[in-house]
Amino acid sequence: MEPFERFKRLNTEGNLWIYILSLGKEEEICDKDIRRLIFEKFSFLPNVFLVKRVLYRLKRNEYIKIGKYKGERAYKTTEKGLRELEEMKRFCHKLLQKV
């Protein structure tokens, strides 16, 4: 695998949690819409099983909360999740300045 392809994979599906936290930071997102929204906003389509696994871990560690939105299962990023998201942004910004 070429260096760029590895970098791209590790920064998309390899860090899926960050995209999910980002989607849920302003509004509740229906479970069924997650993959589509990731594709529309971030231009990659994650694996269904991987999305479910990441959602489970985010919920278990209280980075997202699960509820109902328009009668469907939905999630929203918690304050704890927002803090993690901001920390990741600071880290990426510092890293890009060094590269």
N, C-alpha and C. Protein backbone atom coordinates (compact mmCIF):
# COMPACT_ATOMS: atom_id res chain seq x y z
N MET A 1 0.85 -1.18 0.00
CA MET A 1 0.00 0.00 0.00
C MET A 1 0.90 1.25 0.00
N GLU A 2 0.53 2.19 -0.81
CA GLU A 2 1.29 3.44 -0.92
C GLU A 2 1.09 4.28 0.36
N PRO A 3 2.08 5.11 0.71
CA PRO A 3 1.96 5.91 1.94
C PRO A 3 0.71 6.77 2.00
N PHE A 4 0.35 7.41 0.89
CA PHE A 4 -0.84 8.26 0.92
C PHE A 4 -2.10 7.43 1.16
N GLU A 5 -2.21 6.28 0.51
CA GLU A 5 -3.41 5.44 0.69
C GLU A 5 -3.53 4.97 2.13
N ARG A 6 -2.42 4.60 2.74
CA ARG A 6 -2.44 4.18 4.15
C ARG A 6 -2.86 5.36 5.03
N PHE A 7 -2.30 6.53 4.79
CA PHE A 7 -2.64 7.73 5.54
C PHE A 7 -4.13 8.03 5.42
N LYS A 8 -4.64 7.96 4.21
CA LYS A 8 -6.06 8.23 3.96
C LYS A 8 -6.95 7.24 4.70
N ARG A 9 -6.63 5.95 4.63
CA ARG A 9 -7.43 4.92 5.29
C ARG A 9 -7.42 5.10 6.80
N LEU A 10 -6.24 5.37 7.35
CA LEU A 10 -6.14 5.54 8.80
C LEU A 10 -6.84 6.81 9.29
N ASN A 11 -6.99 7.79 8.42
CA ASN A 11 -7.64 9.03 8.81
C ASN A 11 -9.10 9.11 8.40
N THR A 12 -9.64 8.04 7.89
CA THR A 12 -11.08 7.99 7.59
C THR A 12 -11.68 6.87 8.44
N GLU A 13 -11.75 5.65 7.93
CA GLU A 13 -12.33 4.56 8.71
C GLU A 13 -11.51 4.25 9.96
N GLY A 14 -10.21 4.50 9.91
CA GLY A 14 -9.36 4.25 11.06
C GLY A 14 -9.62 5.19 12.22
N ASN A 15 -10.29 6.29 11.97
CA ASN A 15 -10.64 7.27 13.00
C ASN A 15 -12.12 7.65 12.89
N LEU A 16 -12.95 6.66 12.66
CA LEU A 16 -14.37 6.89 12.42
C LEU A 16 -15.06 7.62 13.57
N TRP A 17 -14.62 7.39 14.78
CA TRP A 17 -15.29 8.00 15.93
C TRP A 17 -15.33 9.52 15.82
N ILE A 18 -14.29 10.12 15.27
CA ILE A 18 -14.23 11.57 15.19
C ILE A 18 -15.31 12.12 14.24
N TYR A 19 -15.58 11.40 13.17
CA TYR A 19 -16.60 11.83 12.22
C TYR A 19 -18.00 11.68 12.82
N ILE A 20 -18.20 10.63 13.58
CA ILE A 20 -19.49 10.41 14.23
C ILE A 20 -19.74 11.48 15.29
N LEU A 21 -18.73 11.78 16.10
CA LEU A 21 -18.87 12.84 17.10
C LEU A 21 -19.16 14.18 16.43
N SER A 22 -18.52 14.44 15.32
CA SER A 22 -18.71 15.69 14.60
C SER A 22 -20.14 15.83 14.08
N LEU A 23 -20.68 14.75 13.54
CA LEU A 23 -22.05 14.79 13.02
C LEU A 23 -23.07 15.09 14.11
N GLY A 24 -22.85 14.53 15.30
CA GLY A 24 -23.83 14.67 16.38
C GLY A 24 -23.62 15.85 17.29
N LYS A 25 -22.71 16.75 16.93
CA LYS A 25 -22.43 17.84 17.86
C LYS A 25 -23.51 18.92 17.89
N GLU A 26 -24.26 19.09 16.83
CA GLU A 26 -25.26 20.15 16.79
C GLU A 26 -26.70 19.65 16.79
N GLU A 27 -26.92 18.44 16.33
CA GLU A 27 -28.28 17.91 16.30
C GLU A 27 -28.26 16.40 16.42
N GLU A 28 -29.43 15.85 16.75
CA GLU A 28 -29.54 14.39 16.83
C GLU A 28 -29.52 13.82 15.42
N ILE A 29 -28.81 12.71 15.28
CA ILE A 29 -28.66 12.07 13.98
C ILE A 29 -29.29 10.67 14.05
N CYS A 30 -30.20 10.39 13.13
CA CYS A 30 -30.83 9.07 13.09
C CYS A 30 -29.81 8.01 12.70
N ASP A 31 -29.91 6.89 13.37
CA ASP A 31 -29.02 5.75 13.14
C ASP A 31 -28.87 5.41 11.65
N LYS A 32 -30.01 5.36 10.97
CA LYS A 32 -30.00 4.93 9.57
C LYS A 32 -29.32 5.93 8.63
N ASP A 33 -29.12 7.17 9.09
CA ASP A 33 -28.55 8.21 8.24
C ASP A 33 -27.04 8.40 8.39
N ILE A 34 -26.45 7.75 9.36
CA ILE A 34 -25.04 7.99 9.69
C ILE A 34 -24.12 7.76 8.50
N ARG A 35 -24.19 6.61 7.86
CA ARG A 35 -23.30 6.31 6.74
C ARG A 35 -23.48 7.30 5.60
N ARG A 36 -24.73 7.62 5.28
CA ARG A 36 -25.01 8.56 4.19
C ARG A 36 -24.43 9.94 4.50
N LEU A 37 -24.62 10.40 5.73
CA LEU A 37 -24.13 11.72 6.11
C LEU A 37 -22.59 11.77 6.10
N ILE A 38 -21.96 10.70 6.54
CA ILE A 38 -20.49 10.64 6.48
C ILE A 38 -20.05 10.72 5.03
N PHE A 39 -20.73 9.99 4.16
CA PHE A 39 -20.36 10.03 2.74
C PHE A 39 -20.56 11.43 2.16
N GLU A 40 -21.69 12.06 2.46
CA GLU A 40 -21.98 13.38 1.91
C GLU A 40 -21.03 14.45 2.44
N LYS A 41 -20.72 14.40 3.73
CA LYS A 41 -19.91 15.45 4.33
C LYS A 41 -18.41 15.20 4.23
N PHE A 42 -17.99 13.93 4.35
CA PHE A 42 -16.56 13.62 4.44
C PHE A 42 -16.03 12.79 3.27
N SER A 43 -16.90 12.41 2.34
CA SER A 43 -16.52 11.74 1.09
C SER A 43 -15.93 10.34 1.24
N PHE A 44 -16.39 9.58 2.22
CA PHE A 44 -16.06 8.16 2.28
C PHE A 44 -17.24 7.42 2.89
N LEU A 45 -17.40 6.17 2.53
CA LEU A 45 -18.53 5.37 3.00
C LEU A 45 -18.01 4.26 3.91
N PRO A 46 -18.21 4.41 5.23
CA PRO A 46 -17.69 3.41 6.15
C PRO A 46 -18.51 2.12 6.15
N ASN A 47 -17.87 1.07 6.57
CA ASN A 47 -18.46 -0.25 6.70
C ASN A 47 -19.57 -0.22 7.76
N VAL A 48 -20.69 -0.87 7.48
CA VAL A 48 -21.84 -0.90 8.40
C VAL A 48 -21.45 -1.46 9.76
N PHE A 49 -20.75 -2.59 9.76
CA PHE A 49 -20.36 -3.22 11.03
C PHE A 49 -19.44 -2.29 11.83
N LEU A 50 -18.53 -1.63 11.17
CA LEU A 50 -17.61 -0.72 11.85
C LEU A 50 -18.37 0.45 12.48
N VAL A 51 -19.35 0.99 11.78
CA VAL A 51 -20.15 2.09 12.32
C VAL A 51 -20.86 1.62 13.59
N LYS A 52 -21.46 0.44 13.56
CA LYS A 52 -22.17 -0.07 14.73
C LYS A 52 -21.22 -0.29 15.91
N ARG A 53 -20.04 -0.81 15.62
CA ARG A 53 -19.05 -1.06 16.66
C ARG A 53 -18.59 0.26 17.30
N VAL A 54 -18.33 1.26 16.47
CA VAL A 54 -17.89 2.56 16.99
C VAL A 54 -19.00 3.22 17.79
N LEU A 55 -20.24 3.17 17.30
CA LEU A 55 -21.37 3.73 18.06
C LEU A 55 -21.49 3.06 19.43
N TYR A 56 -21.35 1.75 19.47
CA TYR A 56 -21.43 1.02 20.74
C TYR A 56 -20.36 1.51 21.71
N ARG A 57 -19.13 1.64 21.23
CA ARG A 57 -18.04 2.08 22.10
C ARG A 57 -18.21 3.54 22.54
N LEU A 58 -18.67 4.39 21.65
CA LEU A 58 -18.89 5.78 22.02
C LEU A 58 -19.98 5.88 23.08
N LYS A 59 -21.04 5.10 22.94
CA LYS A 59 -22.12 5.11 23.93
C LYS A 59 -21.64 4.54 25.26
N ARG A 60 -20.93 3.45 25.22
CA ARG A 60 -20.43 2.80 26.43
C ARG A 60 -19.54 3.75 27.24
N ASN A 61 -18.76 4.57 26.55
CA ASN A 61 -17.86 5.51 27.21
C ASN A 61 -18.46 6.91 27.39
N GLU A 62 -19.75 7.03 27.11
CA GLU A 62 -20.53 8.24 27.33
C GLU A 62 -20.08 9.45 26.49
N TYR A 63 -19.60 9.18 25.28
CA TYR A 63 -19.26 10.25 24.35
C TYR A 63 -20.48 10.64 23.51
N ILE A 64 -21.45 9.73 23.42
CA ILE A 64 -22.72 10.01 22.76
C ILE A 64 -23.83 9.48 23.65
N LYS A 65 -25.01 10.03 23.43
CA LYS A 65 -26.19 9.48 24.10
C LYS A 65 -27.17 9.03 23.03
N ILE A 66 -27.83 7.94 23.30
CA ILE A 66 -28.78 7.37 22.35
C ILE A 66 -30.19 7.73 22.82
N GLY A 67 -31.02 8.11 21.88
CA GLY A 67 -32.39 8.44 22.19
C GLY A 67 -33.27 8.25 20.98
N LYS A 68 -34.38 8.93 20.95
CA LYS A 68 -35.30 8.88 19.82
C LYS A 68 -35.39 10.26 19.19
N TYR A 69 -35.43 10.28 17.86
CA TYR A 69 -35.61 11.50 17.11
C TYR A 69 -36.55 11.18 15.96
N LYS A 70 -37.67 11.88 15.92
CA LYS A 70 -38.69 11.62 14.91
C LYS A 70 -39.11 10.15 14.92
N GLY A 71 -39.20 9.58 16.11
CA GLY A 71 -39.64 8.20 16.28
C GLY A 71 -38.61 7.14 15.93
N GLU A 72 -37.38 7.54 15.66
CA GLU A 72 -36.34 6.58 15.29
C GLU A 72 -35.17 6.69 16.25
N ARG A 73 -34.40 5.61 16.33
CA ARG A 73 -33.20 5.59 17.16
C ARG A 73 -32.22 6.63 16.62
N ALA A 74 -31.69 7.46 17.52
CA ALA A 74 -30.80 8.53 17.12
C ALA A 74 -29.75 8.76 18.20
N TYR A 75 -28.72 9.50 17.87
CA TYR A 75 -27.69 9.81 18.86
C TYR A 75 -27.34 11.29 18.79
N LYS A 76 -26.72 11.77 19.87
CA LYS A 76 -26.23 13.14 19.98
C LYS A 76 -24.93 13.10 20.77
N THR A 77 -23.99 13.92 20.38
CA THR A 77 -22.71 14.00 21.08
C THR A 77 -22.91 14.66 22.44
N THR A 78 -22.32 14.08 23.48
CA THR A 78 -22.41 14.62 24.84
C THR A 78 -21.33 15.68 25.06
N GLU A 79 -21.38 16.33 26.21
CA GLU A 79 -20.33 17.30 26.57
C GLU A 79 -18.97 16.62 26.60
N LYS A 80 -18.92 15.42 27.13
CA LYS A 80 -17.67 14.67 27.17
C LYS A 80 -17.16 14.43 25.75
N GLY A 81 -18.04 14.09 24.84
CA GLY A 81 -17.68 13.87 23.44
C GLY A 81 -17.20 15.15 22.77
N LEU A 82 -17.84 16.27 23.10
CA LEU A 82 -17.43 17.57 22.54
C LEU A 82 -16.03 17.95 23.00
N ARG A 83 -15.71 17.66 24.26
CA ARG A 83 -14.36 17.94 24.76
C ARG A 83 -13.32 17.12 24.01
N GLU A 84 -13.63 15.86 23.76
CA GLU A 84 -12.71 15.00 23.00
C GLU A 84 -12.54 15.51 21.57
N LEU A 85 -13.62 15.94 20.98
CA LEU A 85 -13.58 16.47 19.62
C LEU A 85 -12.68 17.71 19.55
N GLU A 86 -12.81 18.61 20.50
CA GLU A 86 -11.97 19.81 20.54
C GLU A 86 -10.50 19.46 20.76
N GLU A 87 -10.25 18.49 21.61
CA GLU A 87 -8.87 18.06 21.86
C GLU A 87 -8.24 17.49 20.58
N MET A 88 -9.02 16.72 19.82
CA MET A 88 -8.54 16.17 18.56
C MET A 88 -8.23 17.28 17.57
N LYS A 89 -9.09 18.28 17.50
CA LYS A 89 -8.86 19.40 16.59
C LYS A 89 -7.56 20.13 16.92
N ARG A 90 -7.32 20.37 18.20
CA ARG A 90 -6.08 21.03 18.61
C ARG A 90 -4.86 20.19 18.24
N PHE A 91 -4.95 18.89 18.47
CA PHE A 91 -3.86 17.99 18.14
C PHE A 91 -3.56 18.01 16.64
N CYS A 92 -4.61 17.91 15.82
CA CYS A 92 -4.43 17.92 14.36
C CYS A 92 -3.84 19.24 13.88
N HIS A 93 -4.31 20.33 14.45
CA HIS A 93 -3.79 21.64 14.05
C HIS A 93 -2.29 21.74 14.36
N LYS A 94 -1.88 21.33 15.56
CA LYS A 94 -0.47 21.36 15.93
C LYS A 94 0.35 20.44 15.03
N LEU A 95 -0.18 19.26 14.74
CA LEU A 95 0.53 18.32 13.89
C LEU A 95 0.72 18.88 12.49
N LEU A 96 -0.32 19.46 11.91
CA LEU A 96 -0.22 20.02 10.56
C LEU A 96 0.77 21.18 10.50
N GLN A 97 0.89 21.94 11.56
CA GLN A 97 1.86 23.02 11.58
C GLN A 97 3.29 22.47 11.55
N LYS A 98 3.49 21.28 12.11
CA LYS A 98 4.82 20.69 12.16
C LYS A 98 5.21 19.96 10.88
N VAL A 99 4.23 19.51 10.13
CA VAL A 99 4.52 18.71 8.92
C VAL A 99 5.00 19.59 7.80
